[in-house]
Protein backbone atom coordinates (compact mmCIF):
# COMPACT_ATOMS: atom_id res chain seq x y z
CA MET A 1 0.07 0.10 0.08
CA SER A 2 1.51 3.37 -1.10
CA ILE A 3 2.00 6.35 1.11
CA ALA A 4 -0.36 8.31 -0.71
CA ILE A 5 -2.98 5.49 -0.06
CA GLN A 6 -2.27 5.13 3.56
CA ALA A 7 -2.89 9.15 4.11
CA GLU A 8 -6.25 8.65 2.35
CA PHE A 9 -7.02 5.66 4.70
CA ALA A 10 -6.02 7.56 7.94
CA LYS A 11 -8.07 10.70 6.88
CA SER A 12 -11.25 8.93 6.57
CA LEU A 13 -10.84 6.92 9.22
CA LEU A 14 -11.62 9.20 11.97
CA LYS A 15 -13.78 12.04 10.30
CA ALA A 16 -17.13 11.01 9.63
CA GLU A 17 -17.57 13.71 7.05
CA GLN A 18 -14.84 12.32 5.17
CA PRO A 19 -15.71 9.78 2.29
CA PRO A 20 -14.43 6.28 2.34
CA PRO A 21 -10.89 5.81 0.48
CA SER A 22 -10.97 5.58 -3.16
CA VAL A 23 -9.40 2.22 -3.09
CA ILE A 24 -12.40 0.57 -0.88
CA ARG A 25 -14.25 -2.01 -2.98
CA SER A 26 -17.09 -4.62 -1.94
CA SER A 27 -16.50 -8.30 -3.40
CA ASN A 28 -20.13 -8.97 -3.38
CA GLY A 29 -21.95 -5.85 -3.91
CA GLY A 30 -22.19 -4.27 -0.92
CA ASP A 31 -22.27 -0.68 0.11
CA PRO A 32 -18.45 -0.03 0.65
CA GLU A 33 -19.31 3.28 2.35
CA ARG A 34 -21.85 1.72 4.63
CA ARG A 35 -18.89 -0.98 5.60
CA PHE A 36 -16.50 1.61 6.09
CA SER A 37 -18.78 3.47 8.25
CA VAL A 38 -19.20 0.34 10.63
CA TYR A 39 -15.23 -0.07 10.47
CA ARG A 40 -14.77 3.77 11.42
CA ASN A 41 -17.24 3.35 14.32
CA ASN A 42 -15.56 0.19 15.59
CA VAL A 43 -12.25 2.04 15.60
CA VAL A 44 -13.45 5.28 17.38
CA VAL A 45 -15.02 3.31 19.90
CA GLY A 46 -12.22 1.20 20.65
CA LEU A 47 -10.17 4.29 21.12
CA VAL A 48 -12.40 5.98 23.38
CA ARG A 49 -12.72 2.79 25.63
CA ALA A 50 -8.79 2.85 25.90
CA LEU A 51 -9.40 6.27 27.20
CA GLU A 52 -11.91 5.52 29.69
CA ALA A 53 -9.51 2.78 30.93
CA ARG A 54 -6.57 5.24 31.46
CA PHE A 55 -8.60 8.08 32.96
CA PRO A 56 -11.49 6.35 35.05
CA VAL A 57 -11.74 9.19 37.59
CA VAL A 58 -11.97 11.73 34.98
CA LEU A 59 -14.78 9.28 33.46
CA ARG A 60 -16.50 9.35 37.06
CA LEU A 61 -16.48 12.88 37.52
CA VAL A 62 -18.16 14.02 34.24
CA GLY A 63 -20.09 11.09 33.79
CA GLU A 64 -20.37 8.51 30.81
CA ASP A 65 -22.09 10.79 28.25
CA PHE A 66 -20.23 13.54 28.48
CA PHE A 67 -16.72 11.83 28.56
CA ARG A 68 -17.63 9.46 25.63
CA ALA A 69 -18.51 12.69 23.54
CA MET A 70 -15.05 14.57 24.78
CA ALA A 71 -13.19 11.62 23.99
CA GLN A 72 -14.35 11.08 20.42
CA ALA A 73 -13.86 14.67 19.85
CA TYR A 74 -10.28 14.09 21.13
CA VAL A 75 -9.80 11.02 19.10
CA THR A 76 -10.49 12.79 15.93
CA GLN A 77 -8.15 15.83 16.56
CA ASP A 78 -5.42 13.36 18.31
CA PRO A 79 -5.36 9.79 16.35
CA PRO A 80 -2.77 7.30 17.85
CA ARG A 81 0.99 7.45 16.74
CA SER A 82 1.47 3.91 18.21
CA PRO A 83 -0.10 0.44 18.05
CA ILE A 84 0.57 0.20 21.83
CA LEU A 85 -2.84 1.68 23.03
CA PHE A 86 -1.69 1.78 26.72
CA ARG A 87 0.12 4.99 25.70
CA TYR A 88 -2.35 6.67 23.91
CA GLY A 89 -3.84 9.73 25.15
CA SER A 90 -0.93 11.75 26.44
CA ALA A 91 -2.51 14.75 25.01
CA PHE A 92 -5.83 14.22 26.50
CA PRO A 93 -5.09 16.46 29.62
CA ASP A 94 -4.11 19.63 27.34
CA PHE A 95 -7.45 18.92 25.28
CA ILE A 96 -9.36 18.78 28.20
CA ALA A 97 -7.90 22.00 29.46
CA ALA A 98 -8.88 23.66 26.26
CA PHE A 99 -12.44 21.80 25.44
CA PRO A 100 -14.91 24.62 26.29
CA PRO A 101 -17.80 22.23 27.71
CA ALA A 102 -15.10 21.01 30.37
CA ALA A 103 -14.61 24.72 31.45
CA GLU A 104 -17.37 24.08 34.32
CA VAL A 105 -14.93 21.32 35.74
CA PRO A 106 -11.82 23.55 36.14
CA TYR A 107 -9.89 20.81 37.91
CA LEU A 108 -10.57 18.01 35.58
CA ALA A 109 -7.68 18.61 33.29
CA ASP A 110 -5.33 18.40 36.32
CA VAL A 111 -6.96 14.94 37.57
CA ALA A 112 -6.22 13.74 33.87
CA ARG A 113 -2.85 14.91 34.35
CA LEU A 114 -2.47 12.74 37.57
CA GLU A 115 -3.99 9.67 35.88
CA LEU A 116 -1.49 10.01 33.33
CA ALA A 117 1.21 10.22 35.66
CA ARG A 118 0.23 7.16 37.30
CA GLY A 119 -0.04 5.52 33.70
CA ARG A 120 3.48 6.12 33.15
CA ALA A 121 4.56 5.16 36.60
CA TYR A 122 3.30 1.57 36.10
CA HIS A 123 5.25 1.06 32.91
CA ALA A 124 8.49 2.77 34.06
CA ALA A 125 11.44 0.75 34.54
CA ASP A 126 12.25 -1.15 37.70
CA ALA A 127 14.74 -0.36 40.02
CA ARG A 128 15.65 -0.96 43.84
CA PRO A 129 14.63 1.99 45.81
CA LEU A 130 17.26 3.05 48.62
CA SER A 131 16.44 2.14 52.40
CA ALA A 132 15.59 4.80 55.20
CA ASP A 133 19.43 3.60 56.44
CA ALA A 134 20.92 4.73 53.36
CA PHE A 135 20.08 8.52 54.64
CA ALA A 136 20.99 7.95 58.10
CA SER A 137 24.59 8.98 57.81
CA LEU A 138 23.88 12.12 56.05
CA ASP A 139 24.94 14.89 58.23
CA ALA A 140 24.93 19.00 57.42
CA ASP A 141 28.16 18.63 55.58
CA ARG A 142 26.96 15.99 53.43
CA LEU A 143 23.32 17.35 52.90
CA ALA A 144 25.01 20.43 51.21
CA VAL A 145 26.84 18.27 48.49
CA THR A 146 24.65 15.33 48.02
CA GLY A 147 21.81 15.02 45.73
CA VAL A 148 19.40 12.27 44.67
CA ARG A 149 18.61 10.02 41.42
CA PHE A 150 14.95 9.25 41.76
CA HIS A 151 13.40 6.23 41.22
CA PRO A 152 12.46 5.99 37.26
CA SER A 153 8.93 5.93 38.15
CA VAL A 154 8.75 9.20 39.67
CA GLU A 155 6.36 11.65 38.62
CA ILE A 156 5.43 14.89 40.68
CA LEU A 157 2.92 17.26 39.48
CA THR A 158 1.19 20.49 41.08
CA SER A 159 -2.26 21.90 41.13
CA PRO A 160 -4.15 24.97 42.52
CA PHE A 161 -6.87 22.38 43.11
CA PRO A 162 -7.10 19.57 45.61
CA VAL A 163 -6.27 17.08 43.00
CA VAL A 164 -4.84 14.29 45.03
CA SER A 165 -8.01 14.59 47.38
CA ILE A 166 -10.30 14.62 44.34
CA TRP A 167 -8.30 11.38 42.87
CA ARG A 168 -8.41 9.63 46.36
CA ALA A 169 -12.39 10.66 46.87
CA HIS A 170 -13.24 8.72 43.64
CA GLN A 171 -11.43 5.42 44.51
CA GLN A 172 -14.63 4.17 46.50
CA GLN A 173 -18.38 3.90 45.54
CA GLY A 174 -20.72 6.74 47.23
CA GLU A 175 -20.78 10.55 47.43
CA PRO A 176 -17.38 11.80 47.53
CA ARG A 177 -16.48 14.44 50.27
CA LEU A 178 -13.71 17.01 50.46
CA ALA A 179 -12.49 18.44 53.69
CA ASN A 180 -11.23 21.56 51.97
CA PHE A 181 -10.56 22.81 48.42
CA GLU A 182 -7.01 23.85 48.53
CA ALA A 183 -3.94 23.83 46.12
CA GLU A 184 -2.38 20.39 46.09
CA ALA A 185 0.69 18.53 45.06
CA ALA A 186 1.58 15.01 44.17
CA LEU A 187 4.31 12.68 44.41
CA VAL A 188 3.34 9.27 42.09
CA LEU A 189 5.89 6.54 41.69
CA ARG A 190 5.79 2.54 41.67
CA PRO A 191 8.57 1.73 44.43
CA ASP A 192 7.34 -2.24 43.98
CA LEU A 193 4.48 -3.66 42.20
CA ASP A 194 1.70 -1.03 42.84
CA VAL A 195 1.43 2.93 41.95
CA GLU A 196 1.33 4.85 44.97
CA VAL A 197 0.00 8.55 45.01
CA HIS A 198 1.45 10.87 47.98
CA LEU A 199 0.14 13.84 48.96
CA LEU A 200 3.01 16.17 49.28
CA PRO A 201 3.52 18.77 52.39
CA ARG A 202 3.78 22.71 51.46
CA GLY A 203 7.00 23.25 49.42
CA GLY A 204 7.19 19.53 48.18
CA TYR A 205 6.81 20.29 44.67
CA GLN A 206 9.43 22.60 44.82
CA PHE A 207 11.87 20.71 46.91
CA LEU A 208 11.53 17.53 44.44
CA SER A 209 11.67 19.92 41.19
CA ALA A 210 14.89 21.30 42.65
CA LEU A 211 16.07 17.84 43.50
CA GLN A 212 15.25 16.79 39.87
CA GLN A 213 17.39 19.45 38.62
CA GLY A 214 20.53 18.38 40.50
CA ALA A 215 20.43 20.66 43.58
CA SER A 216 21.65 18.93 46.76
CA LEU A 217 19.16 18.09 49.65
CA ALA A 218 20.24 21.20 51.71
CA ARG A 219 19.77 23.66 48.63
CA ALA A 220 16.84 22.19 47.52
CA ALA A 221 15.71 22.75 50.77
CA THR A 222 16.52 26.33 50.73
CA ILE A 223 15.01 26.97 47.15
CA ALA A 224 11.39 25.42 48.66
CA ALA A 225 11.54 27.46 51.73
CA ALA A 226 12.01 30.52 49.75
CA GLU A 227 9.22 29.76 47.28
CA ALA A 228 7.00 28.27 50.03
CA PRO A 229 7.32 30.10 53.31
CA THR A 230 5.36 27.05 55.10
CA PHE A 231 7.72 24.63 53.79
CA HIS A 232 9.03 22.14 56.29
CA ALA A 233 12.11 20.25 55.40
CA VAL A 234 11.75 17.24 57.91
CA LYS A 235 8.38 16.33 56.81
CA ASN A 236 9.34 16.49 53.16
CA LEU A 237 12.49 14.76 53.47
CA SER A 238 10.27 12.02 55.61
CA VAL A 239 7.97 11.90 52.58
CA LEU A 240 10.78 11.26 50.10
CA ILE A 241 12.31 8.58 52.26
CA GLU A 242 9.30 6.70 53.33
CA ALA A 243 7.66 6.71 49.91
CA ARG A 244 11.23 5.20 48.89
CA ALA A 245 11.42 7.61 45.91
CA VAL A 246 15.27 7.53 45.56
CA ALA A 247 17.13 4.99 43.74
CA LYS A 248 20.56 6.49 44.53
CA LEU A 249 22.50 9.30 46.38
CA VAL A 250 24.69 11.39 43.85
CA PRO A 251 26.92 14.31 43.98
CA ALA A 252 24.95 17.44 43.63
CA ARG A 253 25.46 19.82 40.77
CA PRO A 254 26.48 23.41 41.63
CA MET A 255 23.61 25.55 41.93
């Protein structure tokens, strides 16, 4: 099949207003357009179901009908570029953020980003995380020159909405309830078999971001404290250690 025919087929596949590819024929006198429409519908339904599986909380937040209509619009705009469906939907959160009907649920895109991070963490490479004992010998001098190499599955994100609380509230049946509606940041990782989502203390996103950029533990704490006055170094370091987010201690980069 030529590249031109492949391009025509792809263009017709996800856009209902397009005619079927010119090469489509029927061997028994059937209507090629009708048969291609059935095939097109099956492809779209399959992609929408893949998005439903990847973004279950987004689905629950807006309901089945709204989600499917939104997902169909996304599918026609951003078709798969890989045959591996668990990778499909990487641009879905950005699409949601720009999708006018979703504007009434302003936190929806960030919930989708959290679910996307969970999917990436699940499929990330394995590595043995450091135990708490590895941090026991870090005195003040070593904290100033020691950085970290995160576990390959580590993802961090921040939101002006209580994205972790919203996600957690929708893990069980029943009417979700939130104690407050404040900004939250998340640490997502898979140190063992299961993906974990941790709510970061104040300044935690800034702390981990600085560490990702190569700052020492002490320098990262200073950066976080400057950006988040309520930053608590011990609490954030405890989350880092207890979540087993670090694969290796390494020399810090000058910053």
